[in-house]
């Protein structure tokens, strides 16, 4: 059993960092453990001085109001992977669900700085969600996919980053209002979901997948022929 950050009540837990951290742990521990559990499911069970706030940096995958946070989507993306593992690297997983369907999961997990570990409050992650990490330029991934069945593929692309799938960004669009109405919760739930894009592309036996990822971002591609 593990979690992304030992201290609850810190807004790093409401950022996209835990999501990328989860996928990093899954790949690094693949084949070495029988099962792993993530702590915890919901912020609802936490008692903390700021727990009266709509979002307060709880370790849960769901907010206390049931809104899905980034760690929830990391597990959801894992559930969309195929049963057959084709390739795995430090920042990627490639699976197949059959000869006509395969999935590519890319992620970029950034490390917390030593200054942030010593003084996590000063970073003020609510307003500056990347201040706990070293400055990092976006990384371009180019992954060669081989032995594909040629043909027309439907390609769905899911993106989770600072602007998409980030509950802090969605809450910030409402100026971090404490007293939220039901319509506000619905708005945040919709805005904090990953972005989805779909297109059709004709692929040959070999295809190079290119993607640009920012710090603590995730992209899932689902190819279906």
C-alpha atoms as a PDB file:
ATOM      1  CA  UNK A   1       0.000   0.000   0.000  1.00  0.00           C
ATOM      2  CA  UNK A   2       1.354   3.431  -0.922  1.00  0.00           C
ATOM      3  CA  UNK A   3       0.390   7.040  -1.589  1.00  0.00           C
ATOM      4  CA  UNK A   4       1.918   9.886  -3.553  1.00  0.00           C
ATOM      5  CA  UNK A   5       2.652  12.251  -0.666  1.00  0.00           C
ATOM      6  CA  UNK A   6       2.930  11.459   3.022  1.00  0.00           C
ATOM      7  CA  UNK A   7       1.221  14.629   4.263  1.00  0.00           C
ATOM      8  CA  UNK A   8      -2.486  15.137   3.731  1.00  0.00           C
ATOM      9  CA  UNK A   9      -3.888  18.648   3.539  1.00  0.00           C
ATOM     10  CA  UNK A  10      -1.356  19.696   0.888  1.00  0.00           C
ATOM     11  CA  UNK A  11      -2.507  20.818  -2.537  1.00  0.00           C
ATOM     12  CA  UNK A  12       0.061  18.660  -4.268  1.00  0.00           C
ATOM     13  CA  UNK A  13      -2.472  15.870  -3.668  1.00  0.00           C
ATOM     14  CA  UNK A  14      -5.069  17.758  -5.731  1.00  0.00           C
ATOM     15  CA  UNK A  15      -2.692  18.360  -8.648  1.00  0.00           C
ATOM     16  CA  UNK A  16      -1.790  16.015 -11.508  1.00  0.00           C
ATOM     17  CA  UNK A  17       1.366  14.891  -9.683  1.00  0.00           C
ATOM     18  CA  UNK A  18      -0.246  11.862  -7.958  1.00  0.00           C
ATOM     19  CA  UNK A  19      -1.582  10.571 -11.286  1.00  0.00           C
ATOM     20  CA  UNK A  20       1.829  10.517 -12.986  1.00  0.00           C
ATOM     21  CA  UNK A  21       3.374   9.160  -9.766  1.00  0.00           C
ATOM     22  CA  UNK A  22       0.936   6.223  -9.770  1.00  0.00           C
ATOM     23  CA  UNK A  23       1.852   5.204 -13.311  1.00  0.00           C
ATOM     24  CA  UNK A  24       5.556   5.551 -12.499  1.00  0.00           C
ATOM     25  CA  UNK A  25       5.149   3.162  -9.554  1.00  0.00           C
ATOM     26  CA  UNK A  26       3.160   0.683 -11.635  1.00  0.00           C
ATOM     27  CA  UNK A  27       5.869   0.432 -14.294  1.00  0.00           C
ATOM     28  CA  UNK A  28       8.780   0.412 -11.840  1.00  0.00           C
ATOM     29  CA  UNK A  29       7.218  -2.364  -9.749  1.00  0.00           C
ATOM     30  CA  UNK A  30       5.784  -4.443 -12.582  1.00  0.00           C
ATOM     31  CA  UNK A  31       6.563  -8.130 -12.077  1.00  0.00           C
ATOM     32  CA  UNK A  32       8.031  -7.622  -8.595  1.00  0.00           C
ATOM     33  CA  UNK A  33       4.838  -7.532  -6.496  1.00  0.00           C
ATOM     34  CA  UNK A  34       1.573  -9.465  -6.644  1.00  0.00           C
ATOM     35  CA  UNK A  35      -0.656  -6.496  -5.849  1.00  0.00           C
ATOM     36  CA  UNK A  36      -0.431  -2.863  -4.776  1.00  0.00           C
ATOM     37  CA  UNK A  37      -3.030  -0.649  -3.137  1.00  0.00           C
ATOM     38  CA  UNK A  38      -3.309   3.129  -3.294  1.00  0.00           C
ATOM     39  CA  UNK A  39      -4.162   5.179  -0.191  1.00  0.00           C
ATOM     40  CA  UNK A  40      -6.887   6.342  -0.377  1.00  0.00           C
ATOM     41  CA  UNK A  41     -10.207   6.255  -2.227  1.00  0.00           C
ATOM     42  CA  UNK A  42     -11.917   9.460  -1.041  1.00  0.00           C
ATOM     43  CA  UNK A  43     -11.217  12.669   0.849  1.00  0.00           C
ATOM     44  CA  UNK A  44     -14.537  12.156   2.627  1.00  0.00           C
ATOM     45  CA  UNK A  45     -12.945  10.038   5.353  1.00  0.00           C
ATOM     46  CA  UNK A  46     -10.272  12.594   6.253  1.00  0.00           C
ATOM     47  CA  UNK A  47     -10.404  14.844   9.289  1.00  0.00           C
ATOM     48  CA  UNK A  48      -8.169  17.852   8.887  1.00  0.00           C
ATOM     49  CA  UNK A  49      -8.191  21.505   9.908  1.00  0.00           C
ATOM     50  CA  UNK A  50      -9.042  22.587   6.352  1.00  0.00           C
ATOM     51  CA  UNK A  51     -11.351  19.663   5.573  1.00  0.00           C
ATOM     52  CA  UNK A  52     -14.329  22.026   5.551  1.00  0.00           C
ATOM     53  CA  UNK A  53     -13.028  23.483   2.268  1.00  0.00           C
ATOM     54  CA  UNK A  54     -14.324  21.986  -1.007  1.00  0.00           C
ATOM     55  CA  UNK A  55     -10.761  20.910  -1.853  1.00  0.00           C
ATOM     56  CA  UNK A  56      -8.017  20.852   0.743  1.00  0.00           C
ATOM     57  CA  UNK A  57      -5.225  18.604  -0.531  1.00  0.00           C
ATOM     58  CA  UNK A  58      -6.575  15.270   0.645  1.00  0.00           C
ATOM     59  CA  UNK A  59      -4.930  12.029  -0.460  1.00  0.00           C
ATOM     60  CA  UNK A  60      -8.139  10.638  -1.963  1.00  0.00           C
ATOM     61  CA  UNK A  61      -8.822   9.838  -5.605  1.00  0.00           C
ATOM     62  CA  UNK A  62     -12.210  11.517  -5.174  1.00  0.00           C
ATOM     63  CA  UNK A  63     -12.985  14.830  -3.512  1.00  0.00           C
ATOM     64  CA  UNK A  64     -15.277  14.777  -0.501  1.00  0.00           C
ATOM     65  CA  UNK A  65     -18.075  15.784  -2.874  1.00  0.00           C
ATOM     66  CA  UNK A  66     -17.359  12.853  -5.184  1.00  0.00           C
ATOM     67  CA  UNK A  67     -15.561  14.762  -7.954  1.00  0.00           C
ATOM     68  CA  UNK A  68     -12.931  12.660  -9.716  1.00  0.00           C
ATOM     69  CA  UNK A  69      -9.375  13.846  -9.166  1.00  0.00           C
ATOM     70  CA  UNK A  70      -6.315  13.142 -11.308  1.00  0.00           C
ATOM     71  CA  UNK A  71      -5.332   9.900  -9.473  1.00  0.00           C
ATOM     72  CA  UNK A  72      -8.765   8.476 -10.294  1.00  0.00           C
ATOM     73  CA  UNK A  73      -8.146   9.024 -13.996  1.00  0.00           C
ATOM     74  CA  UNK A  74      -4.709   7.408 -13.762  1.00  0.00           C
ATOM     75  CA  UNK A  75      -6.379   4.203 -12.569  1.00  0.00           C
ATOM     76  CA  UNK A  76      -9.119   4.617 -15.176  1.00  0.00           C
ATOM     77  CA  UNK A  77      -6.494   4.883 -17.927  1.00  0.00           C
ATOM     78  CA  UNK A  78      -4.864   1.709 -16.636  1.00  0.00           C
ATOM     79  CA  UNK A  79      -8.227  -0.013 -16.879  1.00  0.00           C
ATOM     80  CA  UNK A  80      -8.462   0.940 -20.565  1.00  0.00           C
ATOM     81  CA  UNK A  81      -5.222  -0.866 -21.385  1.00  0.00           C
ATOM     82  CA  UNK A  82      -5.315  -4.235 -23.114  1.00  0.00           C
ATOM     83  CA  UNK A  83      -4.549  -7.565 -21.478  1.00  0.00           C
ATOM     84  CA  UNK A  84      -1.459  -8.243 -23.594  1.00  0.00           C
ATOM     85  CA  UNK A  85       1.654  -6.294 -22.650  1.00  0.00           C
ATOM     86  CA  UNK A  86       3.665  -5.416 -25.768  1.00  0.00           C
ATOM     87  CA  UNK A  87       6.265  -2.999 -24.407  1.00  0.00           C
ATOM     88  CA  UNK A  88       7.094  -1.058 -21.278  1.00  0.00           C
ATOM     89  CA  UNK A  89       9.634   1.653 -20.601  1.00  0.00           C
ATOM     90  CA  UNK A  90      10.403   4.349 -18.069  1.00  0.00           C
ATOM     91  CA  UNK A  91       7.658   6.593 -19.428  1.00  0.00           C
ATOM     92  CA  UNK A  92       5.415   4.366 -21.525  1.00  0.00           C
ATOM     93  CA  UNK A  93       3.268   1.247 -21.655  1.00  0.00           C
ATOM     94  CA  UNK A  94       2.068  -0.400 -24.876  1.00  0.00           C
ATOM     95  CA  UNK A  95      -0.646  -3.059 -24.759  1.00  0.00           C
ATOM     96  CA  UNK A  96      -2.983  -4.874 -27.145  1.00  0.00           C
ATOM     97  CA  UNK A  97      -6.551  -6.065 -26.761  1.00  0.00           C
ATOM     98  CA  UNK A  98      -6.458  -8.048 -29.994  1.00  0.00           C
ATOM     99  CA  UNK A  99      -4.956  -7.804 -33.477  1.00  0.00           C
ATOM    100  CA  UNK A 100      -7.063  -4.749 -34.348  1.00  0.00           C
ATOM    101  CA  UNK A 101      -6.779  -2.758 -31.121  1.00  0.00           C
ATOM    102  CA  UNK A 102      -3.790  -1.496 -29.164  1.00  0.00           C
ATOM    103  CA  UNK A 103      -3.153   1.170 -26.540  1.00  0.00           C
ATOM    104  CA  UNK A 104      -0.231   3.479 -25.743  1.00  0.00           C
ATOM    105  CA  UNK A 105       0.075   5.166 -22.358  1.00  0.00           C
ATOM    106  CA  UNK A 106       2.668   7.959 -21.982  1.00  0.00           C
ATOM    107  CA  UNK A 107       3.454   9.814 -18.766  1.00  0.00           C
ATOM    108  CA  UNK A 108       6.028  12.218 -17.364  1.00  0.00           C
ATOM    109  CA  UNK A 109       6.444  12.078 -13.603  1.00  0.00           C
ATOM    110  CA  UNK A 110       8.434  14.972 -12.130  1.00  0.00           C
ATOM    111  CA  UNK A 111      10.313  14.759  -8.844  1.00  0.00           C
ATOM    112  CA  UNK A 112       9.595  17.039  -5.906  1.00  0.00           C
ATOM    113  CA  UNK A 113      12.421  19.425  -5.106  1.00  0.00           C
ATOM    114  CA  UNK A 114      14.348  19.165  -1.833  1.00  0.00           C
ATOM    115  CA  UNK A 115      13.260  22.714  -0.916  1.00  0.00           C
ATOM    116  CA  UNK A 116       9.626  21.705  -1.275  1.00  0.00           C
ATOM    117  CA  UNK A 117      10.111  18.647   0.928  1.00  0.00           C
ATOM    118  CA  UNK A 118      11.538  20.865   3.673  1.00  0.00           C
ATOM    119  CA  UNK A 119       8.938  23.630   3.364  1.00  0.00           C
ATOM    120  CA  UNK A 120       5.891  22.470   1.349  1.00  0.00           C
ATOM    121  CA  UNK A 121       3.622  25.316   2.492  1.00  0.00           C
ATOM    122  CA  UNK A 122       5.699  28.138   1.009  1.00  0.00           C
ATOM    123  CA  UNK A 123       5.275  26.796  -2.538  1.00  0.00           C
ATOM    124  CA  UNK A 124       1.566  27.726  -2.414  1.00  0.00           C
ATOM    125  CA  UNK A 125       0.563  25.034  -4.899  1.00  0.00           C
ATOM    126  CA  UNK A 126      -3.051  26.198  -4.938  1.00  0.00           C
ATOM    127  CA  UNK A 127      -2.048  29.205  -7.014  1.00  0.00           C
ATOM    128  CA  UNK A 128       1.261  27.957  -8.427  1.00  0.00           C
ATOM    129  CA  UNK A 129       0.822  24.206  -9.005  1.00  0.00           C
ATOM    130  CA  UNK A 130       4.339  23.643 -10.382  1.00  0.00           C
ATOM    131  CA  UNK A 131       6.318  25.463  -7.690  1.00  0.00           C
ATOM    132  CA  UNK A 132       7.073  22.189  -5.926  1.00  0.00           C
ATOM    133  CA  UNK A 133       9.011  20.891  -8.934  1.00  0.00           C
ATOM    134  CA  UNK A 134      12.192  21.837 -10.751  1.00  0.00           C
ATOM    135  CA  UNK A 135      11.564  23.830 -13.964  1.00  0.00           C
ATOM    136  CA  UNK A 136      11.219  21.331 -16.779  1.00  0.00           C
ATOM    137  CA  UNK A 137      10.670  21.978 -20.470  1.00  0.00           C
ATOM    138  CA  UNK A 138       8.025  19.912 -22.273  1.00  0.00           C
ATOM    139  CA  UNK A 139       9.376  16.563 -23.457  1.00  0.00           C
ATOM    140  CA  UNK A 140       8.702  15.247 -26.949  1.00  0.00           C
ATOM    141  CA  UNK A 141       8.158  11.488 -27.096  1.00  0.00           C
ATOM    142  CA  UNK A 142       8.588   9.529 -30.312  1.00  0.00           C
ATOM    143  CA  UNK A 143       7.575   5.892 -30.023  1.00  0.00           C
ATOM    144  CA  UNK A 144       8.003   3.455 -32.905  1.00  0.00           C
ATOM    145  CA  UNK A 145       5.091   1.014 -33.250  1.00  0.00           C
ATOM    146  CA  UNK A 146       5.828  -2.012 -35.429  1.00  0.00           C
ATOM    147  CA  UNK A 147       4.103  -5.101 -36.855  1.00  0.00           C
ATOM    148  CA  UNK A 148       0.756  -3.317 -37.152  1.00  0.00           C
ATOM    149  CA  UNK A 149      -2.061  -4.510 -39.361  1.00  0.00           C
ATOM    150  CA  UNK A 150      -2.269  -1.884 -42.128  1.00  0.00           C
ATOM    151  CA  UNK A 151      -5.557  -0.070 -42.457  1.00  0.00           C
ATOM    152  CA  UNK A 152      -7.728   2.792 -41.242  1.00  0.00           C
ATOM    153  CA  UNK A 153      -7.661   3.266 -37.483  1.00  0.00           C
ATOM    154  CA  UNK A 154      -9.850   5.260 -35.145  1.00  0.00           C
ATOM    155  CA  UNK A 155      -7.474   6.965 -32.716  1.00  0.00           C
ATOM    156  CA  UNK A 156      -8.734   8.356 -29.425  1.00  0.00           C
ATOM    157  CA  UNK A 157      -6.359  10.579 -27.463  1.00  0.00           C
ATOM    158  CA  UNK A 158      -6.918  11.339 -23.771  1.00  0.00           C
ATOM    159  CA  UNK A 159      -4.857  14.116 -22.153  1.00  0.00           C
ATOM    160  CA  UNK A 160      -4.376  14.846 -18.464  1.00  0.00           C
ATOM    161  CA  UNK A 161      -2.173  17.845 -17.657  1.00  0.00           C
ATOM    162  CA  UNK A 162      -2.237  21.253 -15.961  1.00  0.00           C
ATOM    163  CA  UNK A 163      -5.151  22.431 -18.116  1.00  0.00           C
ATOM    164  CA  UNK A 164      -7.076  19.156 -18.472  1.00  0.00           C
ATOM    165  CA  UNK A 165      -8.013  16.738 -15.712  1.00  0.00           C
ATOM    166  CA  UNK A 166      -6.700  19.101 -13.042  1.00  0.00           C
ATOM    167  CA  UNK A 167      -9.181  19.894 -10.284  1.00  0.00           C
ATOM    168  CA  UNK A 168      -7.087  22.849  -9.062  1.00  0.00           C
ATOM    169  CA  UNK A 169      -7.279  24.549 -12.453  1.00  0.00           C
ATOM    170  CA  UNK A 170     -11.031  23.966 -12.614  1.00  0.00           C
ATOM    171  CA  UNK A 171     -11.556  25.342  -9.093  1.00  0.00           C
ATOM    172  CA  UNK A 172      -9.342  28.318  -9.959  1.00  0.00           C
ATOM    173  CA  UNK A 173     -11.720  29.223 -12.773  1.00  0.00           C
ATOM    174  CA  UNK A 174     -14.241  29.917 -10.006  1.00  0.00           C
ATOM    175  CA  UNK A 175     -11.658  31.961  -8.060  1.00  0.00           C
ATOM    176  CA  UNK A 176     -11.309  29.165  -5.474  1.00  0.00           C
ATOM    177  CA  UNK A 177     -14.746  30.003  -4.088  1.00  0.00           C
ATOM    178  CA  UNK A 178     -15.389  28.183  -0.807  1.00  0.00           C
ATOM    179  CA  UNK A 179     -19.184  28.176  -0.924  1.00  0.00           C
ATOM    180  CA  UNK A 180     -19.974  26.157  -4.029  1.00  0.00           C
ATOM    181  CA  UNK A 181     -23.452  25.508  -5.405  1.00  0.00           C
ATOM    182  CA  UNK A 182     -24.478  22.249  -7.044  1.00  0.00           C
ATOM    183  CA  UNK A 183     -24.006  23.848 -10.472  1.00  0.00           C
ATOM    184  CA  UNK A 184     -20.461  24.804  -9.420  1.00  0.00           C
ATOM    185  CA  UNK A 185     -19.665  21.201  -8.491  1.00  0.00           C
ATOM    186  CA  UNK A 186     -20.997  20.046 -11.851  1.00  0.00           C
ATOM    187  CA  UNK A 187     -18.896  22.650 -13.625  1.00  0.00           C
ATOM    188  CA  UNK A 188     -15.715  21.629 -11.792  1.00  0.00           C
ATOM    189  CA  UNK A 189     -16.420  17.943 -12.446  1.00  0.00           C
ATOM    190  CA  UNK A 190     -16.738  18.638 -16.161  1.00  0.00           C
ATOM    191  CA  UNK A 191     -13.744  20.965 -16.393  1.00  0.00           C
ATOM    192  CA  UNK A 192     -11.464  18.642 -14.399  1.00  0.00           C
ATOM    193  CA  UNK A 193     -12.020  15.691 -16.738  1.00  0.00           C
ATOM    194  CA  UNK A 194      -9.259  14.761 -19.225  1.00  0.00           C
ATOM    195  CA  UNK A 195      -9.446  16.205 -22.715  1.00  0.00           C
ATOM    196  CA  UNK A 196     -10.545  13.755 -25.428  1.00  0.00           C
ATOM    197  CA  UNK A 197      -9.775  13.989 -29.125  1.00  0.00           C
ATOM    198  CA  UNK A 198     -10.575  11.482 -31.873  1.00  0.00           C
ATOM    199  CA  UNK A 199      -9.541  11.179 -35.503  1.00  0.00           C
ATOM    200  CA  UNK A 200      -9.157   8.618 -38.286  1.00  0.00           C
ATOM    201  CA  UNK A 201      -5.746   7.786 -39.722  1.00  0.00           C
ATOM    202  CA  UNK A 202      -4.438   5.204 -42.189  1.00  0.00           C
ATOM    203  CA  UNK A 203      -1.490   3.306 -40.716  1.00  0.00           C
ATOM    204  CA  UNK A 204       1.107   1.057 -42.308  1.00  0.00           C
ATOM    205  CA  UNK A 205       2.965  -1.825 -40.635  1.00  0.00           C
ATOM    206  CA  UNK A 206       5.178   0.708 -38.867  1.00  0.00           C
ATOM    207  CA  UNK A 207       4.028   3.959 -37.295  1.00  0.00           C
ATOM    208  CA  UNK A 208       5.830   6.613 -35.244  1.00  0.00           C
ATOM    209  CA  UNK A 209       3.705   8.101 -32.486  1.00  0.00           C
ATOM    210  CA  UNK A 210       4.749  11.614 -31.456  1.00  0.00           C
ATOM    211  CA  UNK A 211       3.490  13.428 -28.370  1.00  0.00           C
ATOM    212  CA  UNK A 212       4.552  16.435 -26.301  1.00  0.00           C
ATOM    213  CA  UNK A 213       4.179  16.099 -22.520  1.00  0.00           C
ATOM    214  CA  UNK A 214       4.570  18.708 -19.819  1.00  0.00           C
ATOM    215  CA  UNK A 215       5.510  17.958 -16.209  1.00  0.00           C
ATOM    216  CA  UNK A 216       3.222  15.403 -14.521  1.00  0.00           C
ATOM    217  CA  UNK A 217       1.171  14.940 -17.664  1.00  0.00           C
ATOM    218  CA  UNK A 218      -0.372  11.761 -19.097  1.00  0.00           C
ATOM    219  CA  UNK A 219      -1.564  10.819 -22.568  1.00  0.00           C
ATOM    220  CA  UNK A 220      -3.465   7.684 -23.491  1.00  0.00           C
ATOM    221  CA  UNK A 221      -3.901   6.673 -27.137  1.00  0.00           C
ATOM    222  CA  UNK A 222      -6.363   3.952 -28.131  1.00  0.00           C
ATOM    223  CA  UNK A 223      -6.024   2.647 -31.681  1.00  0.00           C
ATOM    224  CA  UNK A 224      -8.877   0.598 -33.121  1.00  0.00           C
ATOM    225  CA  UNK A 225      -8.999  -0.774 -36.658  1.00  0.00           C
END
